[in-house]
Amino acid sequence: MFKWLYKIGQQYRNPSISKWYVFLKNSEKWTKKELEIYQFKKLKELVEIAYNHSDYYKAIFDKNNLKTNDIATLEDIVKIPILEKDELLKLNKEIHTNKRFKKRFKAITSGSTGKSLSFYREESADSFNRASIMRGYSWYNVKPWNKNGYFWGFNFSFKDKIKTTFKDYLQNRFRIFNYQEETFNTFVKKLDKASYIHGYSSAIYHTAKLINQKNIPKPSGIKMVKGTSEKIFDSYQTEIKKAFGVKMISEYGATESGIIAFECKFGNMHVNMEGVLVEEIENELIITNLQMHSFPVIRYKLGDYVRLAPEEKECSCGMQHQILEEVTGRIGSDVYGKENVYPSFTFYYIFKNLDKKEKIQLNYQVIQKEKGKLIFKIEQKLLKFEKELLKKEIEKYFTNDLDFIILEHQNLLSEGKKMKSFVSEIS
């Protein structure tokens, strides 16, 4: 029944999704050269549409004495100026194209960085993005209409909760609204019939811990646990494997870019090259959405620190798509010392080093309320030597420029919200 509900809904909302899915299943077998040829074809198409139908891009090209024919290779994309988040927000109307589409959907970003963006995405681009997710699911033998558990917010008004419950029913989906005993037990019983679970990685991890603490037998049918929107700590995996039988895999993307990368069974995050063109400039991700024409996103500074794998790196799955080796962290508020300013990804390396050198895996959140001071919240209870090693690692990066305290055994879960590894309260 749910398969047909899905198919009916798909035909009504996203009629081109089947075409895109077939295309993507074929293109996942392409060589790197074939993928790059397709990327260039889509880039040329995008640039022509942006110049001829978007006031913003026409002005940008003319201001820089740039012609669409100047983009003669993939590498020539660097001739186009980088697009900042503030421009995307302030010049929203000018960026939109005047090109007509049969169907468009309004998309709204989460605003987790404090600035929410809304724009219109045409049906073809929306369907391509959904088909990209379906392709990732196919690597785990999962269908989108299979029964699934969802972790994506808990705090709703009564009216919104009823509406959400109805939508979840249509999508064969169930979610956990809070961790009260009765609600939790109901959710866990439904896991026995689920094929996959997905959503905020911190909420999935928290649920896995509760399941293990209560010695609840792991469900037998879970094929995929997908974390998205948040950092997946390495230390999550032990609890998740014990609770669900499989490790958590990562889906990486953004509303304005679409799916950027999806993790395969061999643990590599393959870039969705048919949909995006990625650049790494001084560890920052610059993204071009190759499929969206209603709201062109070209060379957009997304706001994440990343690391692309070397070109020669190969994956045992056989796909030749680029590999995204690390999503290091969110580019956001700076860390203010007494004298100096530090990038927030410094915390990533502090805890990465602890794991790599000392085999100490910690879940953390760092909070700064005033300059020169940090609060390190650690979920685990630390042994004395572990705490000393953490102190030394922090001091190695900040020397005497920052005072800090370490709080152990902390609850990092923020119900219904995205968990940030660094929170700055300094304006």
Protein backbone atom coordinates (compact mmCIF):
# COMPACT_ATOMS: atom_id res chain seq x y z
CA MET A 1 0.00 0.00 0.00
CA PHE A 2 2.74 2.48 0.96
CA LYS A 3 4.61 1.81 -2.26
CA TRP A 4 1.55 2.86 -4.24
CA LEU A 5 0.90 5.86 -2.01
CA TYR A 6 4.47 6.91 -2.67
CA LYS A 7 4.15 6.34 -6.43
CA ILE A 8 0.90 8.32 -6.62
CA GLY A 9 2.39 11.18 -4.61
CA GLN A 10 5.54 11.08 -6.71
CA GLN A 11 3.60 11.25 -9.98
CA TYR A 12 1.64 14.24 -8.69
CA ARG A 13 4.49 16.19 -7.10
CA ASN A 14 7.66 14.97 -8.85
CA PRO A 15 6.76 13.47 -12.24
CA SER A 16 10.38 13.48 -13.50
CA ILE A 17 11.88 11.63 -10.52
CA SER A 18 11.79 8.18 -12.20
CA LYS A 19 13.65 9.53 -15.22
CA TRP A 20 16.33 11.05 -13.02
CA TYR A 21 16.67 7.89 -10.91
CA VAL A 22 17.27 5.73 -13.99
CA PHE A 23 19.82 8.28 -15.22
CA LEU A 24 21.67 8.32 -11.89
CA LYS A 25 21.80 4.53 -11.62
CA ASN A 26 23.42 4.47 -15.06
CA SER A 27 25.80 7.37 -14.42
CA GLU A 28 27.12 5.83 -11.19
CA LYS A 29 29.00 3.44 -13.50
CA TRP A 30 30.59 6.26 -15.54
CA THR A 31 34.30 6.95 -15.64
CA LYS A 32 35.68 10.14 -14.09
CA LYS A 33 36.15 11.55 -17.59
CA GLU A 34 32.51 10.87 -18.53
CA LEU A 35 31.33 12.51 -15.32
CA GLU A 36 33.43 15.60 -16.00
CA ILE A 37 32.12 15.84 -19.58
CA TYR A 38 28.57 15.81 -18.20
CA GLN A 39 29.48 18.38 -15.54
CA PHE A 40 30.85 20.74 -18.18
CA LYS A 41 27.74 20.32 -20.34
CA LYS A 42 25.52 21.21 -17.36
CA LEU A 43 27.81 24.09 -16.34
CA LYS A 44 27.61 25.66 -19.82
CA GLU A 45 23.83 25.30 -19.78
CA LEU A 46 23.63 26.85 -16.31
CA VAL A 47 25.89 29.79 -17.20
CA GLU A 48 23.88 30.60 -20.35
CA ILE A 49 20.59 30.54 -18.43
CA ALA A 50 22.03 32.58 -15.54
CA TYR A 51 23.39 35.28 -17.85
CA ASN A 52 20.29 35.54 -20.04
CA HIS A 53 17.60 35.23 -17.35
CA SER A 54 19.07 36.48 -14.03
CA ASP A 55 19.62 40.20 -13.42
CA TYR A 56 22.24 39.40 -10.79
CA TYR A 57 24.40 37.19 -13.00
CA LYS A 58 24.10 39.46 -16.02
CA ALA A 59 25.40 42.35 -13.90
CA ILE A 60 28.20 40.20 -12.44
CA PHE A 61 29.34 38.98 -15.86
CA ASP A 62 29.20 42.46 -17.41
CA LYS A 63 30.99 44.07 -14.46
CA ASN A 64 33.87 41.56 -14.82
CA ASN A 65 33.95 41.78 -18.66
CA LEU A 66 33.07 38.09 -18.71
CA LYS A 67 31.31 36.36 -21.59
CA THR A 68 29.56 33.01 -21.33
CA ASN A 69 31.97 31.68 -23.99
CA ASP A 70 34.85 32.42 -21.62
CA ILE A 71 33.77 29.35 -19.65
CA ALA A 72 35.42 26.89 -22.03
CA THR A 73 36.53 24.25 -19.49
CA LEU A 74 35.49 23.16 -15.99
CA GLU A 75 38.54 24.97 -14.63
CA ASP A 76 37.29 28.25 -16.12
CA ILE A 77 34.60 28.38 -13.45
CA VAL A 78 37.13 30.25 -11.28
CA LYS A 79 36.59 33.28 -13.55
CA ILE A 80 33.15 33.70 -11.98
CA PRO A 81 33.25 35.59 -8.64
CA ILE A 82 32.42 33.67 -5.47
CA LEU A 83 28.87 34.11 -4.17
CA GLU A 84 28.55 34.90 -0.45
CA LYS A 85 25.63 34.00 1.83
CA ASP A 86 24.80 37.68 2.41
CA GLU A 87 24.46 38.22 -1.34
CA LEU A 88 22.19 35.21 -1.64
CA LEU A 89 19.95 36.74 1.03
CA LYS A 90 20.03 40.41 0.02
CA LEU A 91 19.87 39.91 -3.75
CA ASN A 92 17.43 37.02 -3.66
CA LYS A 93 15.02 38.54 -6.17
CA GLU A 94 17.77 39.50 -8.63
CA ILE A 95 19.36 36.03 -8.51
CA HIS A 96 16.08 34.30 -9.42
CA THR A 97 15.69 33.85 -13.18
CA ASN A 98 12.69 35.06 -15.18
CA LYS A 99 12.57 31.70 -16.93
CA ARG A 100 9.14 30.05 -16.75
CA PHE A 101 8.65 26.57 -15.30
CA LYS A 102 5.56 24.37 -15.19
CA LYS A 103 6.00 23.75 -11.48
CA ARG A 104 8.13 25.31 -8.73
CA PHE A 105 8.42 24.65 -5.01
CA LYS A 106 9.31 27.11 -2.31
CA ALA A 107 12.40 25.98 -0.39
CA ILE A 108 13.42 27.39 2.99
CA THR A 109 16.75 26.75 4.72
CA SER A 110 16.87 25.87 8.41
CA GLY A 111 18.55 29.12 9.40
CA SER A 112 20.89 27.26 11.75
CA THR A 113 23.53 29.98 11.17
CA GLY A 114 21.00 32.63 12.15
CA LYS A 115 20.01 33.56 8.59
CA SER A 116 17.22 31.70 6.85
CA LEU A 117 16.98 31.74 3.06
CA SER A 118 13.89 31.10 0.94
CA PHE A 119 13.86 30.58 -2.81
CA TYR A 120 12.01 28.74 -5.59
CA ARG A 121 13.26 25.44 -7.01
CA GLU A 122 11.79 24.02 -10.21
CA GLU A 123 10.29 20.52 -10.32
CA SER A 124 13.14 19.02 -12.36
CA ALA A 125 15.81 20.18 -9.88
CA ASP A 126 13.69 19.07 -6.94
CA SER A 127 13.14 15.66 -8.52
CA PHE A 128 16.84 15.30 -9.32
CA ASN A 129 17.67 15.93 -5.66
CA ARG A 130 15.14 13.36 -4.46
CA ALA A 131 16.41 10.86 -7.04
CA SER A 132 19.96 11.44 -5.73
CA ILE A 133 18.79 10.43 -2.24
CA MET A 134 17.04 7.37 -3.70
CA ARG A 135 20.28 6.35 -5.42
CA GLY A 136 22.11 6.51 -2.09
CA TYR A 137 19.37 4.41 -0.50
CA SER A 138 19.68 1.84 -3.28
CA TRP A 139 23.26 1.11 -2.18
CA TYR A 140 21.74 -0.29 1.03
CA ASN A 141 18.79 -2.04 -0.67
CA VAL A 142 16.38 0.49 0.84
CA LYS A 143 13.29 1.94 -0.87
CA PRO A 144 11.96 5.37 0.19
CA TRP A 145 8.51 3.88 0.90
CA ASN A 146 9.90 1.30 3.36
CA LYS A 147 8.89 1.79 6.99
CA ASN A 148 11.30 4.24 8.60
CA GLY A 149 12.05 5.98 11.86
CA TYR A 150 12.66 9.72 11.68
CA PHE A 151 14.55 12.02 14.06
CA TRP A 152 13.77 15.58 13.05
CA GLY A 153 12.37 17.76 15.77
CA PHE A 154 10.13 17.11 18.76
CA ASN A 155 8.67 20.44 19.89
CA PHE A 156 5.36 21.01 18.11
CA SER A 157 2.06 22.64 19.00
CA PHE A 158 -0.87 20.22 19.21
CA LYS A 159 -2.11 21.31 15.77
CA ASP A 160 1.33 20.92 14.18
CA LYS A 161 1.79 17.53 15.83
CA ILE A 162 -1.46 16.22 14.30
CA LYS A 163 -0.44 17.56 10.88
CA THR A 164 3.03 16.04 11.19
CA THR A 165 1.64 12.67 12.30
CA PHE A 166 -0.61 12.55 9.22
CA LYS A 167 2.29 13.37 6.88
CA ASP A 168 4.40 10.73 8.58
CA TYR A 169 1.66 8.15 8.08
CA LEU A 170 1.51 8.85 4.33
CA GLN A 171 5.29 8.35 4.13
CA ASN A 172 5.28 5.16 6.24
CA ARG A 173 7.30 7.12 8.76
CA PHE A 174 7.27 7.37 12.53
CA ARG A 175 9.25 9.68 14.76
CA ILE A 176 10.04 10.18 18.40
CA PHE A 177 8.67 13.42 19.87
CA ASN A 178 10.25 13.12 23.31
CA TYR A 179 12.07 10.59 25.50
CA GLN A 180 9.32 9.95 28.03
CA GLU A 181 8.97 6.26 28.92
CA GLU A 182 5.71 5.60 27.09
CA THR A 183 6.69 7.51 23.93
CA PHE A 184 10.11 5.88 23.84
CA ASN A 185 8.72 2.35 24.25
CA THR A 186 6.19 2.92 21.45
CA PHE A 187 8.93 4.15 19.16
CA VAL A 188 11.21 1.19 19.90
CA LYS A 189 8.42 -1.34 19.19
CA LYS A 190 7.93 0.20 15.74
CA LEU A 191 11.64 -0.24 14.99
CA ASP A 192 11.07 -4.00 14.65
CA LYS A 193 9.27 -3.40 11.35
CA ALA A 194 11.50 -0.58 10.06
CA SER A 195 14.02 -0.87 7.21
CA TYR A 196 15.90 2.31 7.98
CA ILE A 197 16.17 5.23 10.36
CA HIS A 198 17.40 8.74 9.59
CA GLY A 199 17.66 12.30 10.87
CA TYR A 200 19.70 14.26 13.39
CA SER A 201 22.74 12.13 14.26
CA SER A 202 22.79 13.26 17.91
CA ALA A 203 19.16 12.18 18.42
CA ILE A 204 19.81 8.79 16.80
CA TYR A 205 22.84 8.31 19.02
CA HIS A 206 20.89 9.30 22.14
CA THR A 207 18.16 6.78 21.29
CA ALA A 208 20.78 4.07 20.68
CA LYS A 209 22.26 4.72 24.13
CA LEU A 210 18.86 4.39 25.79
CA ILE A 211 18.15 1.16 23.90
CA ASN A 212 21.48 -0.30 25.04
CA GLN A 213 21.01 0.84 28.64
CA LYS A 214 17.66 -0.93 28.75
CA ASN A 215 19.12 -4.06 27.10
CA ILE A 216 16.47 -3.98 24.38
CA PRO A 217 17.26 -6.51 21.60
CA LYS A 218 18.31 -4.82 18.37
CA PRO A 219 15.74 -4.84 15.54
CA SER A 220 16.52 -7.40 12.84
CA GLY A 221 15.39 -5.48 9.76
CA ILE A 222 17.39 -2.25 9.90
CA LYS A 223 19.45 -1.94 6.71
CA MET A 224 20.54 1.67 6.98
CA VAL A 225 21.05 4.29 9.69
CA LYS A 226 21.57 7.68 8.07
CA GLY A 227 22.76 10.73 9.94
CA THR A 228 22.37 14.15 8.41
CA SER A 229 22.52 17.85 9.24
CA GLU A 230 24.92 17.36 12.17
CA LYS A 231 28.42 16.12 12.83
CA ILE A 232 28.69 12.34 13.26
CA PHE A 233 31.21 11.69 16.02
CA ASP A 234 33.29 8.52 15.60
CA SER A 235 32.34 7.60 19.15
CA TYR A 236 28.67 7.35 18.13
CA GLN A 237 29.30 4.22 16.11
CA THR A 238 29.81 1.71 18.95
CA GLU A 239 26.43 2.49 20.53
CA ILE A 240 24.66 2.66 17.16
CA LYS A 241 26.03 -0.67 15.91
CA LYS A 242 25.07 -2.32 19.19
CA ALA A 243 21.54 -0.88 19.13
CA PHE A 244 20.70 -1.23 15.43
CA GLY A 245 23.18 -3.73 14.00
CA VAL A 246 24.72 -1.35 11.45
CA LYS A 247 26.94 1.74 11.58
CA MET A 248 25.64 5.24 10.89
CA ILE A 249 26.34 6.53 7.39
CA SER A 250 26.38 10.13 6.25
CA GLU A 251 24.33 12.12 3.78
CA TYR A 252 25.79 15.57 3.18
CA GLY A 253 23.99 18.42 1.48
CA ALA A 254 22.21 21.74 1.86
CA THR A 255 18.87 23.10 0.73
CA GLU A 256 20.42 25.51 -1.76
CA SER A 257 22.99 23.05 -3.13
CA GLY A 258 21.08 19.79 -3.02
CA ILE A 259 22.78 16.52 -2.11
CA ILE A 260 26.54 17.04 -2.18
CA ALA A 261 27.77 13.60 -1.12
CA PHE A 262 26.46 10.24 0.10
CA GLU A 263 28.40 7.55 1.92
CA CYS A 264 28.74 4.14 0.25
CA LYS A 265 29.00 0.74 1.96
CA PHE A 266 32.79 1.00 1.96
CA GLY A 267 32.73 4.14 4.08
CA ASN A 268 33.59 6.73 1.42
CA MET A 269 31.48 9.83 0.80
CA HIS A 270 31.03 10.09 -2.97
CA VAL A 271 30.39 13.55 -4.38
CA ASN A 272 27.13 13.76 -6.33
CA MET A 273 29.04 14.94 -9.40
CA GLU A 274 25.99 14.87 -11.67
CA GLY A 275 24.37 17.49 -9.44
CA VAL A 276 27.17 19.63 -8.04
CA LEU A 277 30.59 20.96 -8.89
CA VAL A 278 32.77 21.25 -5.79
CA GLU A 279 35.87 23.33 -5.16
CA GLU A 280 38.03 23.37 -2.07
CA ILE A 281 39.69 26.74 -1.49
CA GLU A 282 41.78 27.04 1.70
CA ASN A 283 39.72 24.23 3.23
CA GLU A 284 36.44 26.01 2.44
CA LEU A 285 33.79 24.39 0.27
CA ILE A 286 32.68 26.32 -2.80
CA ILE A 287 29.64 24.70 -4.41
CA THR A 288 27.84 25.03 -7.74
CA ASN A 289 24.39 23.47 -8.14
CA LEU A 290 24.43 22.19 -11.73
CA GLN A 291 20.75 21.28 -11.91
CA MET A 292 18.83 24.28 -10.56
CA HIS A 293 17.87 26.95 -13.10
CA SER A 294 15.14 28.88 -11.29
CA PHE A 295 17.61 30.09 -8.65
CA PRO A 296 21.17 29.66 -9.97
CA VAL A 297 23.73 28.91 -7.25
CA ILE A 298 27.17 29.29 -8.83
CA ARG A 299 30.41 29.23 -6.82
CA TYR A 300 28.60 29.62 -3.52
CA LYS A 301 30.56 29.73 -0.28
CA LEU A 302 28.41 27.28 1.63
CA GLY A 303 30.06 27.81 5.00
CA ASP A 304 31.71 24.44 5.68
CA TYR A 305 35.32 23.42 6.12
CA VAL A 306 36.02 20.26 4.09
CA ARG A 307 38.80 18.14 2.69
CA LEU A 308 38.59 16.44 -0.70
CA ALA A 309 40.45 13.16 -1.12
CA PRO A 310 43.39 13.06 -3.58
CA GLU A 311 42.30 12.48 -7.18
CA GLU A 312 44.02 9.10 -7.27
CA LYS A 313 42.07 7.69 -4.32
CA GLU A 314 39.86 4.80 -5.40
CA CYS A 315 36.92 3.17 -3.66
CA SER A 316 36.25 -0.57 -3.54
CA CYS A 317 32.64 0.07 -4.56
CA GLY A 318 33.89 0.88 -8.05
CA MET A 319 32.39 4.35 -8.37
CA GLN A 320 34.77 6.95 -9.80
CA HIS A 321 32.99 9.95 -8.33
CA GLN A 322 35.14 12.34 -6.28
CA ILE A 323 35.49 11.42 -2.63
CA LEU A 324 34.84 13.91 0.16
CA GLU A 325 37.28 12.81 2.82
CA GLU A 326 36.15 15.06 5.65
CA VAL A 327 33.54 17.62 6.54
CA THR A 328 35.72 19.27 9.15
CA GLY A 329 33.17 21.65 10.57
CA ARG A 330 30.90 24.61 10.16
CA ILE A 331 32.42 27.97 9.36
CA GLY A 332 30.71 30.20 11.84
CA SER A 333 31.61 32.29 14.81
CA ASP A 334 35.29 32.81 15.47
CA VAL A 335 36.89 31.77 18.74
CA TYR A 336 38.13 34.83 20.61
CA GLY A 337 41.20 34.59 22.81
CA LYS A 338 42.52 37.33 25.06
CA GLU A 339 44.72 38.56 22.21
CA ASN A 340 44.12 36.40 19.13
CA VAL A 341 41.24 35.02 17.07
CA TYR A 342 41.00 31.33 16.08
CA PRO A 343 38.89 29.41 13.55
CA SER A 344 36.21 27.18 15.07
CA PHE A 345 37.53 24.10 13.25
CA THR A 346 40.41 24.12 15.78
CA PHE A 347 38.17 22.04 18.06
CA TYR A 348 37.84 19.39 15.37
CA TYR A 349 41.60 18.86 15.41
CA ILE A 350 41.87 18.89 19.20
CA PHE A 351 39.49 15.95 19.47
CA LYS A 352 40.71 14.29 16.27
CA ASN A 353 44.24 14.22 17.70
CA LEU A 354 43.00 12.70 20.96
CA ASP A 355 41.30 9.93 19.03
CA LYS A 356 44.19 9.35 16.63
CA LYS A 357 47.07 9.47 19.12
CA GLU A 358 45.46 8.30 22.36
CA LYS A 359 42.41 6.30 21.14
CA ILE A 360 40.17 8.55 23.25
CA GLN A 361 36.85 9.21 21.53
CA LEU A 362 34.78 12.00 23.05
CA ASN A 363 31.49 13.70 22.22
CA TYR A 364 31.80 17.41 22.87
CA GLN A 365 30.32 20.85 22.63
CA VAL A 366 32.31 24.03 23.20
CA ILE A 367 30.62 27.21 24.40
CA GLN A 368 32.06 30.74 24.48
CA LYS A 369 30.19 33.34 26.52
CA GLU A 370 32.99 35.89 26.81
CA LYS A 371 36.31 36.57 25.12
CA GLY A 372 39.28 34.66 26.45
CA LYS A 373 37.14 31.93 28.08
CA LEU A 374 35.76 28.57 26.89
CA ILE A 375 33.51 25.92 28.36
CA PHE A 376 34.18 22.37 27.12
CA LYS A 377 31.14 20.15 27.66
CA ILE A 378 32.04 16.45 27.42
CA GLU A 379 29.39 13.76 27.38
CA GLN A 380 31.61 11.01 28.79
CA LYS A 381 32.96 10.66 32.30
CA LEU A 382 36.72 11.22 32.04
CA LEU A 383 39.44 9.30 33.78
CA LYS A 384 42.08 11.51 35.39
CA PHE A 385 44.71 10.82 32.71
CA GLU A 386 42.15 11.41 29.91
CA LYS A 387 41.30 14.80 31.36
CA GLU A 388 44.99 15.71 31.53
CA LEU A 389 45.54 14.66 27.92
CA LEU A 390 42.57 16.77 26.84
CA LYS A 391 43.94 19.78 28.75
CA LYS A 392 47.35 19.40 27.09
CA GLU A 393 45.76 19.19 23.64
CA ILE A 394 43.69 22.34 24.26
CA GLU A 395 46.74 24.22 25.60
CA LYS A 396 48.76 23.15 22.55
CA TYR A 397 46.41 25.09 20.29
CA PHE A 398 45.55 28.05 22.50
CA THR A 399 48.62 28.28 24.82
CA ASN A 400 47.79 30.88 27.52
CA ASP A 401 45.47 32.93 25.33
CA LEU A 402 42.30 31.19 26.54
CA ASP A 403 41.12 30.12 29.98
CA PHE A 404 38.85 27.07 29.94
CA ILE A 405 36.91 24.69 32.11
CA ILE A 406 35.97 21.09 31.31
CA LEU A 407 32.54 19.86 32.34
CA GLU A 408 32.12 16.07 32.27
CA HIS A 409 29.08 13.83 31.98
CA GLN A 410 27.04 16.47 30.14
CA ASN A 411 23.87 15.99 28.12
CA LEU A 412 24.57 17.40 24.65
CA LEU A 413 21.21 16.58 23.12
CA SER A 414 19.08 19.59 22.18
CA GLU A 415 15.57 18.26 21.58
CA GLY A 416 14.15 19.28 18.26
CA LYS A 417 17.17 21.36 17.29
CA LYS A 418 20.42 20.83 15.45
CA MET A 419 23.30 20.16 17.84
CA LYS A 420 26.23 22.51 17.19
CA SER A 421 29.72 21.50 18.26
CA PHE A 422 30.64 25.16 18.88
CA VAL A 423 28.24 27.77 20.24
CA SER A 424 29.33 31.40 20.53
CA GLU A 425 27.30 33.88 22.53
CA ILE A 426 29.59 36.75 21.51
CA SER A 427 27.94 39.11 19.03
